[in-house]
N, C-alpha and C. Protein backbone atom coordinates (compact mmCIF):
# COMPACT_ATOMS: atom_id res chain seq x y z
N MET A 1 -27.62 0.43 0.95
CA MET A 1 -27.20 -0.76 1.67
C MET A 1 -26.00 -0.43 2.54
N GLN A 2 -26.08 -0.76 3.79
CA GLN A 2 -25.01 -0.47 4.73
C GLN A 2 -24.11 -1.68 4.92
N ASN A 3 -22.84 -1.38 5.11
CA ASN A 3 -21.87 -2.43 5.38
C ASN A 3 -21.92 -2.77 6.87
N SER A 4 -22.20 -4.04 7.21
CA SER A 4 -22.37 -4.41 8.61
C SER A 4 -21.05 -4.64 9.34
N THR A 5 -19.94 -4.88 8.60
CA THR A 5 -18.66 -5.10 9.26
C THR A 5 -17.85 -3.81 9.25
N PRO A 6 -17.50 -3.29 10.42
CA PRO A 6 -16.69 -2.07 10.47
C PRO A 6 -15.25 -2.34 10.03
N ILE A 7 -14.65 -1.36 9.38
CA ILE A 7 -13.27 -1.48 8.91
C ILE A 7 -12.34 -0.97 10.01
N ASP A 8 -11.32 -1.74 10.29
CA ASP A 8 -10.34 -1.37 11.30
C ASP A 8 -9.53 -0.18 10.81
N PRO A 9 -9.49 0.94 11.53
CA PRO A 9 -8.73 2.12 11.07
C PRO A 9 -7.22 1.88 11.01
N ALA A 10 -6.70 0.86 11.67
CA ALA A 10 -5.27 0.58 11.64
C ALA A 10 -4.82 0.11 10.25
N VAL A 11 -5.75 -0.33 9.41
CA VAL A 11 -5.42 -0.77 8.05
C VAL A 11 -4.89 0.40 7.23
N TYR A 12 -5.31 1.62 7.55
CA TYR A 12 -4.95 2.80 6.77
C TYR A 12 -3.65 3.46 7.24
N GLU A 13 -2.97 2.88 8.22
CA GLU A 13 -1.70 3.43 8.69
C GLU A 13 -0.54 2.68 8.05
N TRP A 14 0.57 3.38 7.81
CA TRP A 14 1.75 2.76 7.19
C TRP A 14 2.35 1.74 8.14
N ARG A 15 2.72 0.57 7.59
CA ARG A 15 3.39 -0.46 8.37
C ARG A 15 4.42 -1.17 7.48
N PRO A 16 5.47 -1.73 8.06
CA PRO A 16 6.52 -2.38 7.27
C PRO A 16 6.03 -3.68 6.64
N CYS A 17 6.61 -3.98 5.47
CA CYS A 17 6.24 -5.18 4.73
C CYS A 17 7.45 -5.64 3.91
N SER A 18 7.65 -6.94 3.80
CA SER A 18 8.71 -7.50 2.95
C SER A 18 8.06 -8.18 1.75
N ILE A 19 8.54 -7.85 0.56
CA ILE A 19 8.03 -8.42 -0.68
C ILE A 19 9.01 -9.50 -1.13
N MET A 20 8.52 -10.69 -1.42
CA MET A 20 9.37 -11.80 -1.83
C MET A 20 9.40 -11.96 -3.36
N PHE A 21 8.30 -11.63 -4.03
CA PHE A 21 8.19 -11.81 -5.47
C PHE A 21 7.80 -10.49 -6.12
N PRO A 22 8.30 -10.20 -7.32
CA PRO A 22 7.92 -8.96 -8.01
C PRO A 22 6.42 -8.94 -8.27
N ARG A 23 5.85 -7.73 -8.24
CA ARG A 23 4.42 -7.56 -8.52
C ARG A 23 4.16 -6.17 -9.07
N VAL A 24 3.05 -6.03 -9.73
CA VAL A 24 2.61 -4.72 -10.23
C VAL A 24 1.65 -4.17 -9.19
N ALA A 25 1.93 -2.96 -8.69
CA ALA A 25 1.12 -2.38 -7.62
C ALA A 25 1.21 -0.87 -7.67
N LEU A 26 0.38 -0.22 -6.85
CA LEU A 26 0.44 1.24 -6.71
C LEU A 26 1.64 1.59 -5.85
N LYS A 27 2.43 2.53 -6.32
CA LYS A 27 3.60 2.97 -5.57
C LYS A 27 3.55 4.48 -5.39
N VAL A 28 3.81 4.92 -4.17
CA VAL A 28 3.81 6.34 -3.84
C VAL A 28 5.25 6.84 -3.85
N THR A 29 5.49 7.94 -4.57
CA THR A 29 6.79 8.61 -4.56
C THR A 29 6.55 10.07 -4.22
N ARG A 30 7.61 10.83 -4.18
CA ARG A 30 7.44 12.26 -3.89
C ARG A 30 6.74 13.00 -5.04
N PHE A 31 6.64 12.34 -6.21
CA PHE A 31 6.01 12.95 -7.37
C PHE A 31 4.56 12.52 -7.56
N GLY A 32 4.07 11.61 -6.73
CA GLY A 32 2.69 11.17 -6.83
C GLY A 32 2.57 9.66 -6.76
N THR A 33 1.40 9.17 -7.14
CA THR A 33 1.12 7.74 -7.10
C THR A 33 1.01 7.22 -8.52
N SER A 34 1.62 6.07 -8.77
CA SER A 34 1.53 5.45 -10.09
C SER A 34 1.61 3.93 -9.96
N THR A 35 1.10 3.26 -10.97
CA THR A 35 1.20 1.81 -11.01
C THR A 35 2.57 1.45 -11.58
N SER A 36 3.32 0.65 -10.86
CA SER A 36 4.65 0.29 -11.31
C SER A 36 5.03 -1.10 -10.78
N LEU A 37 6.16 -1.58 -11.25
CA LEU A 37 6.67 -2.88 -10.82
C LEU A 37 7.35 -2.73 -9.46
N ILE A 38 6.93 -3.53 -8.51
CA ILE A 38 7.51 -3.54 -7.17
C ILE A 38 8.47 -4.72 -7.12
N LEU A 39 9.74 -4.45 -6.93
CA LEU A 39 10.76 -5.50 -6.85
C LEU A 39 10.88 -6.02 -5.42
N PRO A 40 11.42 -7.23 -5.23
CA PRO A 40 11.57 -7.75 -3.87
C PRO A 40 12.39 -6.82 -2.98
N GLY A 41 11.99 -6.71 -1.74
CA GLY A 41 12.67 -5.84 -0.78
C GLY A 41 11.73 -5.42 0.33
N ARG A 42 12.15 -4.37 1.04
CA ARG A 42 11.35 -3.86 2.16
C ARG A 42 10.60 -2.61 1.73
N TYR A 43 9.33 -2.55 2.09
CA TYR A 43 8.46 -1.44 1.76
C TYR A 43 7.58 -1.10 2.95
N MET A 44 6.98 0.06 2.89
CA MET A 44 5.91 0.42 3.82
C MET A 44 4.62 0.27 3.02
N VAL A 45 3.57 -0.24 3.66
CA VAL A 45 2.32 -0.52 2.95
C VAL A 45 1.14 -0.04 3.78
N ARG A 46 0.09 0.39 3.09
CA ARG A 46 -1.17 0.74 3.75
C ARG A 46 -2.30 0.57 2.76
N ARG A 47 -3.52 0.56 3.23
CA ARG A 47 -4.70 0.45 2.38
C ARG A 47 -5.13 1.85 1.96
N SER A 48 -5.44 2.04 0.69
CA SER A 48 -5.91 3.33 0.19
C SER A 48 -7.37 3.52 0.56
N ARG A 49 -7.70 4.66 1.12
CA ARG A 49 -9.09 4.94 1.49
C ARG A 49 -9.97 5.14 0.26
N SER A 50 -9.46 5.83 -0.73
CA SER A 50 -10.28 6.16 -1.90
C SER A 50 -10.31 5.04 -2.94
N LEU A 51 -9.20 4.32 -3.13
CA LEU A 51 -9.14 3.29 -4.16
C LEU A 51 -9.40 1.89 -3.62
N GLY A 52 -9.22 1.68 -2.32
CA GLY A 52 -9.44 0.37 -1.73
C GLY A 52 -8.36 -0.64 -2.08
N ARG A 53 -7.21 -0.18 -2.56
CA ARG A 53 -6.10 -1.05 -2.94
C ARG A 53 -4.94 -0.82 -1.99
N TRP A 54 -3.96 -1.76 -2.01
CA TRP A 54 -2.75 -1.60 -1.22
C TRP A 54 -1.83 -0.63 -1.92
N VAL A 55 -1.22 0.28 -1.16
CA VAL A 55 -0.30 1.28 -1.68
C VAL A 55 1.05 1.06 -1.01
N TYR A 56 2.12 1.06 -1.80
CA TYR A 56 3.47 0.79 -1.31
C TYR A 56 4.33 2.04 -1.43
N ARG A 57 5.30 2.18 -0.55
CA ARG A 57 6.33 3.22 -0.65
C ARG A 57 7.64 2.64 -0.16
N SER A 58 8.74 3.27 -0.53
CA SER A 58 10.06 2.79 -0.11
C SER A 58 10.16 2.81 1.40
N PHE A 59 10.88 1.87 1.95
CA PHE A 59 11.02 1.76 3.41
C PHE A 59 11.79 2.93 3.99
N SER A 60 12.73 3.49 3.26
CA SER A 60 13.59 4.56 3.80
C SER A 60 12.92 5.93 3.79
N ASP A 61 11.77 6.10 3.12
CA ASP A 61 11.12 7.44 3.06
C ASP A 61 10.53 7.84 4.38
């Protein structure tokens, strides 16, 4: 079965995001990716190609 709606490639690029409420999400660090608590603040976010989930990293990286 083929997916009829094409996915925008811009979804997979890092972009700035502000988090207002704490959440549990995938976070990328220099040591790898892990599920952790994301506290309110500024982050960079993108869609994971392999997992299909949102991935966050610190804004200053």
